[in-house]
Amino acid sequence: MYVPSNMKMKSTEDAHEFIDEFSFGVVISKSLEVTHLPFVLNKDEGEFGTLYGHIAKANPQWKRLNGKEVLVIFSGPHAYISPTWYAMSPAAPTWNYAAVHVYGVAEILNTTQTRKVVEQTVNKYEPSLLVERNILTNELIEKLLPGIVGFKITISRIEGKLKLGQQRVSEDQRGVVKGLQSANSHDAQALVDYMLRQGIGIGS
């Protein structure tokens, strides 16, 4: 991924936080097979952390994962940016976004490990299902396990990019925030919230 120095995420910790928040990723094999999946990140396993996920056994991509390098893309908020929002002109339209690319080697897990991945995934998104056990029963999990394949990706490299207009003058940043806030778009609202959390566009 092309990442100008002024758009690079500051640290591995920042990239980890991004993955935790925007954890639905796209795993891409060298054979260019692609699957969209939720992931769970173990930040403390390995030099850069380890990703865990599971894939449908009917999906042939898993057969070409074990021991192979893969790329996982995590996308954050993004939206169109109108040049009419800038204080400075002339200006061109653009797109603001944030993304993290993760590279690593995949390893297929056994049934016991796969069950743990399933429970970790449920615990991340709806932990109460593991407490009540009247909806996601142990019997149901056992029934589902033969149809899925768990895997982990030991991360060897992380690239994080924040293309949020941070390189523009403060007047332009505030104009973009105001423009996004007035846009009738869920993507725009999510992006402006993220930009403000990054300290971009704040101020009078």
N, C-alpha and C. Protein backbone atom coordinates (compact mmCIF):
# COMPACT_ATOMS: atom_id res chain seq x y z
N MET A 1 0.86 -1.19 0.00
CA MET A 1 0.00 0.00 0.00
C MET A 1 0.89 1.24 0.00
N TYR A 2 0.56 2.19 -0.85
CA TYR A 2 1.31 3.44 -0.89
C TYR A 2 0.90 4.29 0.31
N VAL A 3 1.87 4.62 1.18
CA VAL A 3 1.58 5.39 2.39
C VAL A 3 2.57 6.54 2.50
N PRO A 4 2.17 7.76 2.12
CA PRO A 4 3.04 8.92 2.32
C PRO A 4 3.38 9.06 3.80
N SER A 5 4.53 9.61 4.11
CA SER A 5 4.98 9.69 5.49
C SER A 5 4.02 10.45 6.39
N ASN A 6 3.33 11.47 5.84
CA ASN A 6 2.41 12.25 6.67
C ASN A 6 1.04 11.59 6.82
N MET A 7 0.86 10.41 6.24
CA MET A 7 -0.40 9.68 6.38
C MET A 7 -0.21 8.32 7.06
N LYS A 8 0.99 8.08 7.53
CA LYS A 8 1.31 6.78 8.13
C LYS A 8 0.81 6.73 9.57
N MET A 9 0.18 5.60 9.95
CA MET A 9 -0.20 5.40 11.35
C MET A 9 1.06 5.41 12.20
N LYS A 10 0.93 5.99 13.39
CA LYS A 10 2.12 6.24 14.21
C LYS A 10 2.77 4.98 14.76
N SER A 11 1.97 3.95 15.06
CA SER A 11 2.55 2.81 15.76
C SER A 11 1.77 1.54 15.50
N THR A 12 2.36 0.42 15.86
CA THR A 12 1.68 -0.87 15.80
C THR A 12 0.46 -0.86 16.71
N GLU A 13 0.59 -0.20 17.86
CA GLU A 13 -0.53 -0.12 18.79
C GLU A 13 -1.72 0.57 18.16
N ASP A 14 -1.48 1.63 17.38
CA ASP A 14 -2.57 2.33 16.68
C ASP A 14 -3.24 1.41 15.67
N ALA A 15 -2.42 0.63 14.95
CA ALA A 15 -2.96 -0.32 13.98
C ALA A 15 -3.78 -1.40 14.67
N HIS A 16 -3.31 -1.87 15.82
CA HIS A 16 -4.06 -2.86 16.59
C HIS A 16 -5.42 -2.32 17.03
N GLU A 17 -5.43 -1.09 17.51
CA GLU A 17 -6.70 -0.48 17.92
C GLU A 17 -7.66 -0.37 16.74
N PHE A 18 -7.12 -0.04 15.59
CA PHE A 18 -7.93 0.06 14.37
C PHE A 18 -8.54 -1.30 14.03
N ILE A 19 -7.73 -2.36 14.07
CA ILE A 19 -8.22 -3.70 13.75
C ILE A 19 -9.29 -4.12 14.75
N ASP A 20 -9.09 -3.80 16.02
CA ASP A 20 -10.09 -4.14 17.03
C ASP A 20 -11.43 -3.47 16.73
N GLU A 21 -11.37 -2.23 16.28
CA GLU A 21 -12.61 -1.48 16.02
C GLU A 21 -13.25 -1.86 14.69
N PHE A 22 -12.44 -2.04 13.66
CA PHE A 22 -12.95 -2.34 12.32
C PHE A 22 -12.48 -3.74 11.92
N SER A 23 -13.02 -4.74 12.61
CA SER A 23 -12.45 -6.09 12.58
C SER A 23 -12.99 -6.99 11.48
N PHE A 24 -13.87 -6.47 10.64
CA PHE A 24 -14.36 -7.25 9.49
C PHE A 24 -13.41 -7.01 8.33
N GLY A 25 -12.62 -8.04 8.01
CA GLY A 25 -11.56 -7.85 7.02
C GLY A 25 -11.74 -8.68 5.77
N VAL A 26 -10.80 -8.51 4.85
CA VAL A 26 -10.78 -9.24 3.59
C VAL A 26 -9.46 -9.98 3.52
N VAL A 27 -9.52 -11.33 3.50
CA VAL A 27 -8.30 -12.12 3.40
C VAL A 27 -8.06 -12.49 1.94
N ILE A 28 -6.84 -12.20 1.47
CA ILE A 28 -6.48 -12.39 0.06
C ILE A 28 -5.29 -13.34 -0.01
N SER A 29 -5.47 -14.44 -0.73
CA SER A 29 -4.40 -15.40 -0.93
C SER A 29 -3.55 -15.01 -2.14
N LYS A 30 -2.37 -15.61 -2.26
CA LYS A 30 -1.52 -15.33 -3.41
C LYS A 30 -2.18 -15.78 -4.71
N SER A 31 -3.10 -16.74 -4.59
CA SER A 31 -3.85 -17.20 -5.76
C SER A 31 -4.97 -16.23 -6.14
N LEU A 32 -5.04 -15.11 -5.40
CA LEU A 32 -6.04 -14.06 -5.59
C LEU A 32 -7.46 -14.51 -5.25
N GLU A 33 -7.56 -15.53 -4.41
CA GLU A 33 -8.85 -15.87 -3.83
C GLU A 33 -9.12 -14.90 -2.68
N VAL A 34 -10.37 -14.48 -2.53
CA VAL A 34 -10.72 -13.43 -1.57
C VAL A 34 -11.95 -13.85 -0.77
N THR A 35 -11.89 -13.64 0.56
CA THR A 35 -13.04 -13.90 1.41
C THR A 35 -13.16 -12.79 2.45
N HIS A 36 -14.38 -12.36 2.71
CA HIS A 36 -14.68 -11.34 3.72
C HIS A 36 -15.04 -12.05 5.03
N LEU A 37 -14.33 -11.72 6.11
CA LEU A 37 -14.49 -12.44 7.37
C LEU A 37 -14.29 -11.53 8.58
N PRO A 38 -14.94 -11.86 9.71
CA PRO A 38 -14.61 -11.19 10.97
C PRO A 38 -13.34 -11.81 11.55
N PHE A 39 -12.53 -11.00 12.20
CA PHE A 39 -11.30 -11.48 12.80
C PHE A 39 -11.22 -11.09 14.27
N VAL A 40 -10.46 -11.89 15.02
CA VAL A 40 -10.13 -11.57 16.40
C VAL A 40 -8.62 -11.43 16.46
N LEU A 41 -8.15 -10.36 17.08
CA LEU A 41 -6.71 -10.08 17.17
C LEU A 41 -6.19 -10.39 18.56
N ASN A 42 -5.14 -11.20 18.63
CA ASN A 42 -4.38 -11.39 19.87
C ASN A 42 -3.14 -10.53 19.76
N LYS A 43 -3.15 -9.39 20.43
CA LYS A 43 -2.06 -8.42 20.29
C LYS A 43 -0.74 -8.91 20.87
N ASP A 44 -0.80 -9.81 21.83
CA ASP A 44 0.39 -10.21 22.57
C ASP A 44 1.03 -11.50 22.06
N GLU A 45 0.48 -12.06 21.00
CA GLU A 45 1.03 -13.31 20.45
C GLU A 45 1.85 -13.00 19.21
N GLY A 46 3.15 -13.20 19.29
CA GLY A 46 4.02 -12.89 18.16
C GLY A 46 4.52 -11.45 18.22
N GLU A 47 5.44 -11.13 17.34
CA GLU A 47 6.06 -9.80 17.33
C GLU A 47 5.06 -8.70 17.03
N PHE A 48 4.14 -8.96 16.09
CA PHE A 48 3.17 -7.94 15.69
C PHE A 48 1.73 -8.35 15.98
N GLY A 49 1.56 -9.46 16.71
CA GLY A 49 0.22 -9.95 16.99
C GLY A 49 -0.18 -11.09 16.06
N THR A 50 -1.31 -11.71 16.36
CA THR A 50 -1.81 -12.83 15.58
C THR A 50 -3.31 -12.67 15.37
N LEU A 51 -3.75 -12.88 14.14
CA LEU A 51 -5.17 -12.83 13.80
C LEU A 51 -5.76 -14.24 13.82
N TYR A 52 -7.01 -14.33 14.30
CA TYR A 52 -7.73 -15.60 14.28
C TYR A 52 -9.05 -15.42 13.54
N GLY A 53 -9.41 -16.42 12.76
CA GLY A 53 -10.68 -16.38 12.03
C GLY A 53 -11.14 -17.78 11.67
N HIS A 54 -12.31 -17.86 11.09
CA HIS A 54 -12.80 -19.15 10.60
C HIS A 54 -13.53 -18.93 9.28
N ILE A 55 -13.46 -19.94 8.44
CA ILE A 55 -13.98 -19.86 7.08
C ILE A 55 -14.85 -21.09 6.81
N ALA A 56 -15.83 -20.94 5.95
CA ALA A 56 -16.69 -22.08 5.61
C ALA A 56 -15.87 -23.17 4.92
N LYS A 57 -16.08 -24.41 5.34
CA LYS A 57 -15.36 -25.52 4.71
C LYS A 57 -15.73 -25.65 3.23
N ALA A 58 -16.92 -25.20 2.86
CA ALA A 58 -17.33 -25.25 1.45
C ALA A 58 -16.56 -24.26 0.59
N ASN A 59 -15.89 -23.28 1.24
CA ASN A 59 -15.10 -22.28 0.53
C ASN A 59 -13.71 -22.88 0.25
N PRO A 60 -13.36 -23.11 -1.01
CA PRO A 60 -12.09 -23.79 -1.31
C PRO A 60 -10.84 -22.99 -0.96
N GLN A 61 -10.98 -21.72 -0.63
CA GLN A 61 -9.79 -20.92 -0.33
C GLN A 61 -8.99 -21.51 0.83
N TRP A 62 -9.66 -22.11 1.83
CA TRP A 62 -8.95 -22.61 3.00
C TRP A 62 -7.92 -23.68 2.64
N LYS A 63 -8.18 -24.40 1.53
CA LYS A 63 -7.27 -25.47 1.13
C LYS A 63 -5.92 -24.94 0.68
N ARG A 64 -5.85 -23.66 0.39
CA ARG A 64 -4.61 -23.05 -0.09
C ARG A 64 -4.09 -21.98 0.89
N LEU A 65 -4.50 -22.10 2.16
CA LEU A 65 -4.04 -21.14 3.16
C LEU A 65 -2.86 -21.64 3.98
N ASN A 66 -2.87 -22.91 4.32
CA ASN A 66 -1.90 -23.42 5.29
C ASN A 66 -0.45 -23.23 4.85
N GLY A 67 0.30 -22.49 5.67
CA GLY A 67 1.71 -22.25 5.38
C GLY A 67 1.97 -21.20 4.32
N LYS A 68 0.92 -20.53 3.88
CA LYS A 68 1.06 -19.55 2.79
C LYS A 68 0.94 -18.12 3.33
N GLU A 69 1.64 -17.21 2.67
CA GLU A 69 1.51 -15.80 3.03
C GLU A 69 0.20 -15.24 2.49
N VAL A 70 -0.47 -14.45 3.31
CA VAL A 70 -1.73 -13.83 2.91
C VAL A 70 -1.70 -12.35 3.27
N LEU A 71 -2.63 -11.64 2.69
CA LEU A 71 -2.86 -10.23 3.00
C LEU A 71 -4.28 -10.10 3.54
N VAL A 72 -4.43 -9.38 4.65
CA VAL A 72 -5.76 -9.07 5.18
C VAL A 72 -5.92 -7.56 5.20
N ILE A 73 -7.01 -7.08 4.60
CA ILE A 73 -7.28 -5.64 4.52
C ILE A 73 -8.43 -5.30 5.47
N PHE A 74 -8.19 -4.31 6.33
CA PHE A 74 -9.21 -3.78 7.22
C PHE A 74 -9.50 -2.34 6.80
N SER A 75 -10.76 -2.07 6.51
CA SER A 75 -11.15 -0.73 6.06
C SER A 75 -11.96 -0.01 7.13
N GLY A 76 -11.65 1.25 7.32
CA GLY A 76 -12.39 2.08 8.26
C GLY A 76 -13.36 2.98 7.53
N PRO A 77 -13.81 4.04 8.19
CA PRO A 77 -14.76 4.97 7.56
C PRO A 77 -14.15 5.64 6.34
N HIS A 78 -15.00 5.95 5.36
CA HIS A 78 -14.52 6.62 4.15
C HIS A 78 -15.68 7.38 3.52
N ALA A 79 -15.36 8.44 2.80
CA ALA A 79 -16.42 9.22 2.14
C ALA A 79 -15.80 10.19 1.14
N TYR A 80 -16.62 10.62 0.22
CA TYR A 80 -16.26 11.63 -0.78
C TYR A 80 -16.06 12.99 -0.10
N ILE A 81 -15.05 13.72 -0.55
CA ILE A 81 -14.76 15.06 -0.03
C ILE A 81 -14.91 16.07 -1.16
N SER A 82 -15.84 17.00 -1.01
CA SER A 82 -16.08 18.01 -2.04
C SER A 82 -15.10 19.17 -1.91
N PRO A 83 -14.55 19.65 -3.03
CA PRO A 83 -13.63 20.79 -2.96
C PRO A 83 -14.34 22.07 -2.54
N THR A 84 -15.68 22.08 -2.61
CA THR A 84 -16.42 23.27 -2.18
C THR A 84 -16.38 23.45 -0.66
N TRP A 85 -15.92 22.42 0.06
CA TRP A 85 -15.85 22.53 1.52
C TRP A 85 -14.57 23.21 1.98
N TYR A 86 -13.59 23.33 1.09
CA TYR A 86 -12.32 23.93 1.47
C TYR A 86 -12.40 25.45 1.51
N ALA A 87 -11.60 26.04 2.40
CA ALA A 87 -11.47 27.50 2.42
C ALA A 87 -10.56 27.96 1.29
N MET A 88 -9.60 27.13 0.94
CA MET A 88 -8.63 27.47 -0.10
C MET A 88 -9.08 26.91 -1.44
N SER A 89 -8.87 27.68 -2.51
CA SER A 89 -9.19 27.21 -3.85
C SER A 89 -8.15 27.78 -4.82
N PRO A 90 -8.01 27.19 -6.03
CA PRO A 90 -8.77 26.03 -6.53
C PRO A 90 -8.37 24.75 -5.79
N ALA A 91 -9.26 23.76 -5.88
CA ALA A 91 -9.02 22.48 -5.21
C ALA A 91 -9.74 21.39 -5.97
N ALA A 92 -9.28 20.16 -5.78
CA ALA A 92 -9.88 19.02 -6.48
C ALA A 92 -10.67 18.14 -5.51
N PRO A 93 -11.68 17.45 -6.00
CA PRO A 93 -12.40 16.50 -5.14
C PRO A 93 -11.48 15.33 -4.78
N THR A 94 -11.76 14.69 -3.67
CA THR A 94 -10.95 13.55 -3.25
C THR A 94 -11.79 12.62 -2.39
N TRP A 95 -11.12 11.64 -1.78
CA TRP A 95 -11.80 10.66 -0.93
C TRP A 95 -10.96 10.51 0.33
N ASN A 96 -11.57 10.66 1.48
CA ASN A 96 -10.87 10.42 2.75
C ASN A 96 -11.18 9.02 3.24
N TYR A 97 -10.16 8.38 3.81
CA TYR A 97 -10.36 7.01 4.30
C TYR A 97 -9.24 6.63 5.26
N ALA A 98 -9.45 5.51 5.95
CA ALA A 98 -8.43 4.92 6.79
C ALA A 98 -8.42 3.43 6.53
N ALA A 99 -7.23 2.83 6.55
CA ALA A 99 -7.13 1.40 6.27
C ALA A 99 -5.87 0.83 6.91
N VAL A 100 -5.92 -0.47 7.20
CA VAL A 100 -4.76 -1.20 7.69
C VAL A 100 -4.60 -2.46 6.84
N HIS A 101 -3.38 -2.70 6.37
CA HIS A 101 -3.04 -3.92 5.65
C HIS A 101 -2.15 -4.78 6.54
N VAL A 102 -2.51 -6.04 6.66
CA VAL A 102 -1.77 -6.98 7.49
C VAL A 102 -1.23 -8.11 6.62
N TYR A 103 0.05 -8.42 6.76
CA TYR A 103 0.68 -9.51 6.03
C TYR A 103 1.13 -10.57 7.04
N GLY A 104 1.01 -11.83 6.66
CA GLY A 104 1.46 -12.89 7.54
C GLY A 104 1.24 -14.25 6.93
N VAL A 105 1.65 -15.27 7.66
CA VAL A 105 1.53 -16.65 7.21
C VAL A 105 0.37 -17.32 7.94
N ALA A 106 -0.49 -17.98 7.17
CA ALA A 106 -1.69 -18.62 7.73
C ALA A 106 -1.37 -20.05 8.17
N GLU A 107 -2.10 -20.49 9.17
CA GLU A 107 -1.97 -21.86 9.67
C GLU A 107 -3.36 -22.40 10.00
N ILE A 108 -3.70 -23.56 9.45
CA ILE A 108 -5.00 -24.18 9.71
C ILE A 108 -5.01 -24.76 11.13
N LEU A 109 -6.13 -24.60 11.84
CA LEU A 109 -6.26 -25.04 13.22
C LEU A 109 -7.04 -26.35 13.31
N ASN A 110 -6.85 -27.06 14.41
CA ASN A 110 -7.62 -28.28 14.63
C ASN A 110 -9.01 -27.94 15.18
N THR A 111 -9.83 -28.96 15.39
CA THR A 111 -11.23 -28.74 15.80
C THR A 111 -11.32 -28.04 17.15
N THR A 112 -10.50 -28.45 18.10
CA THR A 112 -10.53 -27.82 19.43
C THR A 112 -10.15 -26.35 19.34
N GLN A 113 -9.12 -26.06 18.56
CA GLN A 113 -8.70 -24.67 18.40
C GLN A 113 -9.75 -23.86 17.65
N THR A 114 -10.40 -24.49 16.68
CA THR A 114 -11.44 -23.80 15.91
C THR A 114 -12.62 -23.44 16.80
N ARG A 115 -13.01 -24.35 17.68
CA ARG A 115 -14.09 -24.06 18.61
C ARG A 115 -13.74 -22.84 19.47
N LYS A 116 -12.49 -22.77 19.91
CA LYS A 116 -12.05 -21.62 20.71
C LYS A 116 -12.14 -20.33 19.91
N VAL A 117 -11.78 -20.39 18.62
CA VAL A 117 -11.87 -19.21 17.77
C VAL A 117 -13.33 -18.76 17.63
N VAL A 118 -14.23 -19.71 17.45
CA VAL A 118 -15.66 -19.38 17.33
C VAL A 118 -16.13 -18.68 18.61
N GLU A 119 -15.75 -19.21 19.76
CA GLU A 119 -16.19 -18.63 21.03
C GLU A 119 -15.55 -17.26 21.26
N GLN A 120 -14.30 -17.08 20.85
CA GLN A 120 -13.65 -15.77 20.96
C GLN A 120 -14.34 -14.74 20.07
N THR A 121 -14.76 -15.19 18.89
CA THR A 121 -15.45 -14.29 17.96
C THR A 121 -16.80 -13.87 18.53
N VAL A 122 -17.55 -14.83 19.05
CA VAL A 122 -18.84 -14.51 19.67
C VAL A 122 -18.64 -13.61 20.88
N ASN A 123 -17.60 -13.88 21.66
CA ASN A 123 -17.32 -13.08 22.86
C ASN A 123 -17.02 -11.63 22.49
N LYS A 124 -16.42 -11.42 21.34
CA LYS A 124 -16.10 -10.05 20.89
C LYS A 124 -17.36 -9.28 20.50
N TYR A 125 -18.29 -9.95 19.82
CA TYR A 125 -19.42 -9.24 19.24
C TYR A 125 -20.71 -9.34 20.07
N GLU A 126 -20.91 -10.43 20.79
CA GLU A 126 -22.11 -10.57 21.61
C GLU A 126 -21.83 -11.56 22.75
N PRO A 127 -21.07 -11.14 23.75
CA PRO A 127 -20.63 -12.05 24.81
C PRO A 127 -21.77 -12.70 25.60
N SER A 128 -22.91 -12.05 25.64
CA SER A 128 -24.04 -12.61 26.41
C SER A 128 -24.48 -13.97 25.86
N LEU A 129 -24.21 -14.22 24.58
CA LEU A 129 -24.60 -15.51 24.00
C LEU A 129 -23.83 -16.67 24.63
N LEU A 130 -22.66 -16.37 25.18
CA LEU A 130 -21.85 -17.42 25.81
C LEU A 130 -22.23 -17.63 27.27
N VAL A 131 -23.04 -16.72 27.79
CA VAL A 131 -23.46 -16.81 29.18
C VAL A 131 -24.79 -17.55 29.30
N GLU A 132 -25.76 -17.11 28.48
CA GLU A 132 -27.11 -17.67 28.57
C GLU A 132 -27.19 -19.09 28.01
N ARG A 133 -26.55 -19.30 26.88
CA ARG A 133 -26.45 -20.62 26.25
C ARG A 133 -27.79 -21.25 25.87
N ASN A 134 -28.84 -20.44 25.81
CA ASN A 134 -30.12 -20.99 25.36
C ASN A 134 -30.35 -20.75 23.87
N ILE A 135 -29.53 -19.91 23.27
CA ILE A 135 -29.61 -19.65 21.82
C ILE A 135 -28.43 -20.31 21.12
N LEU A 136 -27.23 -19.93 21.53
CA LEU A 136 -26.02 -20.56 20.97
C LEU A 136 -25.62 -21.70 21.91
N THR A 137 -26.28 -22.81 21.77
CA THR A 137 -26.04 -23.94 22.66
C THR A 137 -24.76 -24.68 22.29
N ASN A 138 -24.24 -25.44 23.25
CA ASN A 138 -23.07 -26.27 22.97
C ASN A 138 -23.35 -27.27 21.84
N GLU A 139 -24.60 -27.77 21.84
CA GLU A 139 -24.99 -28.73 20.81
C GLU A 139 -24.95 -28.09 19.43
N LEU A 140 -25.40 -26.84 19.36
CA LEU A 140 -25.39 -26.14 18.07
C LEU A 140 -23.95 -25.91 17.60
N ILE A 141 -23.07 -25.52 18.50
CA ILE A 141 -21.67 -25.30 18.12
C ILE A 141 -21.06 -26.59 17.59
N GLU A 142 -21.33 -27.71 18.28
CA GLU A 142 -20.79 -29.00 17.84
C GLU A 142 -21.33 -29.36 16.45
N LYS A 143 -22.55 -28.97 16.19
CA LYS A 143 -23.16 -29.25 14.89
C LYS A 143 -22.54 -28.40 13.79
N LEU A 144 -22.15 -27.17 14.14
CA LEU A 144 -21.59 -26.24 13.15
C LEU A 144 -20.12 -26.52 12.84
N LEU A 145 -19.39 -27.02 13.82
CA LEU A 145 -17.93 -27.17 13.67
C LEU A 145 -17.49 -27.95 12.44
N PRO A 146 -18.16 -29.05 12.06
CA PRO A 146 -17.71 -29.77 10.86
C PRO A 146 -17.80 -28.96 9.57
N GLY A 147 -18.55 -27.86 9.60
CA GLY A 147 -18.73 -27.06 8.39
C GLY A 147 -17.82 -25.85 8.29
N ILE A 148 -16.91 -25.69 9.27
CA ILE A 148 -16.02 -24.53 9.24
C ILE A 148 -14.58 -24.96 9.46
N VAL A 149 -13.66 -24.07 9.09
CA VAL A 149 -12.23 -24.32 9.25
C VAL A 149 -11.62 -23.11 9.95
N GLY A 150 -11.03 -23.35 11.11
CA GLY A 150 -10.37 -22.27 11.82
C GLY A 150 -8.94 -22.08 11.33
N PHE A 151 -8.46 -20.85 11.42
CA PHE A 151 -7.08 -20.57 11.02
C PHE A 151 -6.54 -19.38 11.80
N LYS A 152 -5.24 -19.30 11.83
CA LYS A 152 -4.62 -18.12 12.43
C LYS A 152 -3.59 -17.56 11.45
N ILE A 153 -3.31 -16.28 11.59
CA ILE A 153 -2.32 -15.61 10.75
C ILE A 153 -1.31 -14.94 11.67
N THR A 154 -0.09 -15.43 11.65
CA THR A 154 0.98 -14.81 12.43
C THR A 154 1.47 -13.59 11.65
N ILE A 155 1.26 -12.43 12.22
CA ILE A 155 1.52 -11.18 11.49
C ILE A 155 3.02 -10.91 11.40
N SER A 156 3.48 -10.64 10.17
CA SER A 156 4.88 -10.30 9.94
C SER A 156 5.08 -8.83 9.60
N ARG A 157 4.00 -8.18 9.15
CA ARG A 157 4.11 -6.76 8.77
C ARG A 157 2.73 -6.11 8.81
N ILE A 158 2.68 -4.87 9.29
CA ILE A 158 1.43 -4.10 9.33
C ILE A 158 1.68 -2.73 8.70
N GLU A 159 0.77 -2.33 7.82
CA GLU A 159 0.81 -0.99 7.24
C GLU A 159 -0.52 -0.29 7.56
N GLY A 160 -0.43 0.89 8.14
CA GLY A 160 -1.63 1.65 8.45
C GLY A 160 -1.61 3.00 7.78
N LYS A 161 -2.72 3.38 7.17
CA LYS A 161 -2.81 4.65 6.44
C LYS A 161 -4.02 5.45 6.90
N LEU A 162 -3.78 6.71 7.20
CA LEU A 162 -4.84 7.66 7.56
C LEU A 162 -4.84 8.78 6.53
N LYS A 163 -5.70 8.69 5.54
CA LYS A 163 -5.83 9.75 4.53
C LYS A 163 -7.07 10.56 4.91
N LEU A 164 -6.88 11.49 5.83
CA LEU A 164 -8.00 12.21 6.43
C LEU A 164 -7.90 13.72 6.25
N GLY A 165 -7.06 14.14 5.32
CA GLY A 165 -6.91 15.58 5.08
C GLY A 165 -6.10 16.28 6.14
N GLN A 166 -5.32 15.52 6.93
CA GLN A 166 -4.54 16.13 8.00
C GLN A 166 -3.42 17.03 7.49
N GLN A 167 -3.10 16.90 6.20
CA GLN A 167 -2.03 17.71 5.63
C GLN A 167 -2.53 19.10 5.21
N ARG A 168 -3.83 19.30 5.22
CA ARG A 168 -4.41 20.57 4.78
C ARG A 168 -4.43 21.58 5.93
N VAL A 169 -4.57 22.85 5.59
CA VAL A 169 -4.63 23.91 6.60
C VAL A 169 -5.87 23.72 7.47
N SER A 170 -5.83 24.28 8.67
CA SER A 170 -6.91 24.05 9.64
C SER A 170 -8.26 24.54 9.12
N GLU A 171 -8.26 25.62 8.32
CA GLU A 171 -9.53 26.12 7.78
C GLU A 171 -10.16 25.11 6.84
N ASP A 172 -9.34 24.46 6.04
CA ASP A 172 -9.83 23.42 5.13
C ASP A 172 -10.36 22.22 5.93
N GLN A 173 -9.64 21.83 6.97
CA GLN A 173 -10.07 20.70 7.80
C GLN A 173 -11.43 20.98 8.43
N ARG A 174 -11.59 22.17 8.96
CA ARG A 174 -12.88 22.51 9.58
C ARG A 174 -14.00 22.55 8.54
N GLY A 175 -13.67 22.99 7.33
CA GLY A 175 -14.67 23.00 6.27
C GLY A 175 -15.11 21.61 5.89
N VAL A 176 -14.17 20.67 5.87
CA VAL A 176 -14.50 19.28 5.56
C VAL A 176 -15.38 18.69 6.66
N VAL A 177 -15.04 18.98 7.91
CA VAL A 177 -15.87 18.49 9.02
C VAL A 177 -17.29 19.01 8.90
N LYS A 178 -17.42 20.29 8.62
CA LYS A 178 -18.75 20.88 8.49
C LYS A 178 -19.50 20.27 7.31
N GLY A 179 -18.80 20.07 6.19
CA GLY A 179 -19.43 19.48 5.02
C GLY A 179 -19.89 18.06 5.27
N LEU A 180 -19.05 17.26 5.93
CA LEU A 180 -19.43 15.88 6.23
C LEU A 180 -20.59 15.82 7.21
N GLN A 181 -20.58 16.72 8.18
CA GLN A 181 -21.67 16.74 9.17
C GLN A 181 -23.01 17.07 8.53
N SER A 182 -22.99 17.84 7.44
CA SER A 182 -24.24 18.21 6.77
C SER A 182 -24.64 17.22 5.69
N ALA A 183 -23.77 16.26 5.38
CA ALA A 183 -24.07 15.29 4.33
C ALA A 183 -25.06 14.25 4.83
N ASN A 184 -25.99 13.88 3.97
CA ASN A 184 -27.01 12.88 4.31
C ASN A 184 -26.50 11.49 3.96
N SER A 185 -25.48 11.04 4.72
CA SER A 185 -24.82 9.78 4.40
C SER A 185 -24.27 9.17 5.68
N HIS A 186 -24.54 7.88 5.88
CA HIS A 186 -24.00 7.18 7.04
C HIS A 186 -22.48 7.15 6.97
N ASP A 187 -21.94 6.92 5.76
CA ASP A 187 -20.48 6.89 5.59
C ASP A 187 -19.85 8.22 6.00
N ALA A 188 -20.49 9.33 5.60
CA ALA A 188 -19.96 10.65 5.93
C ALA A 188 -19.97 10.88 7.44
N GLN A 189 -21.04 10.47 8.10
CA GLN A 189 -21.13 10.66 9.55
C GLN A 189 -20.09 9.81 10.27
N ALA A 190 -19.89 8.59 9.81
CA ALA A 190 -18.89 7.72 10.43
C ALA A 190 -17.48 8.30 10.24
N LEU A 191 -17.23 8.84 9.04
CA LEU A 191 -15.91 9.41 8.75
C LEU A 191 -15.64 10.64 9.60
N VAL A 192 -16.60 11.54 9.70
CA VAL A 192 -16.36 12.77 10.47
C VAL A 192 -16.16 12.44 11.94
N ASP A 193 -16.88 11.46 12.45
CA ASP A 193 -16.69 11.05 13.83
C ASP A 193 -15.26 10.53 14.03
N TYR A 194 -14.79 9.73 13.09
CA TYR A 194 -13.43 9.18 13.20
C TYR A 194 -12.39 10.29 13.07
N MET A 195 -12.58 11.22 12.14
CA MET A 195 -11.64 12.33 11.97
C MET A 195 -11.53 13.15 13.25
N LEU A 196 -12.66 13.44 13.87
CA LEU A 196 -12.65 14.23 15.09
C LEU A 196 -11.95 13.49 16.22
N ARG A 197 -12.11 12.17 16.25
CA ARG A 197 -11.42 11.38 17.27
C ARG A 197 -9.92 11.38 17.05
N GLN A 198 -9.49 11.61 15.81
CA GLN A 198 -8.07 11.71 15.49
C GLN A 198 -7.55 13.13 15.67
N GLY A 199 -8.43 14.04 16.08
CA GLY A 199 -8.04 15.44 16.31
C GLY A 199 -7.96 16.27 15.06
N ILE A 200 -8.61 15.82 13.99
CA ILE A 200 -8.58 16.54 12.71
C ILE A 200 -9.86 17.35 12.55
N GLY A 201 -9.71 18.66 12.32
CA GLY A 201 -10.87 19.52 12.12
C GLY A 201 -11.44 20.09 13.38
N ILE A 202 -10.75 19.91 14.50
CA ILE A 202 -11.22 20.44 15.78
C ILE A 202 -10.72 21.87 15.93
N GLY A 203 -11.56 22.73 16.44
CA GLY A 203 -11.18 24.12 16.66
C GLY A 203 -12.16 25.07 16.04
N SER A 204 -12.11 26.32 16.47
CA SER A 204 -13.05 27.33 15.97
C SER A 204 -12.50 27.99 14.71
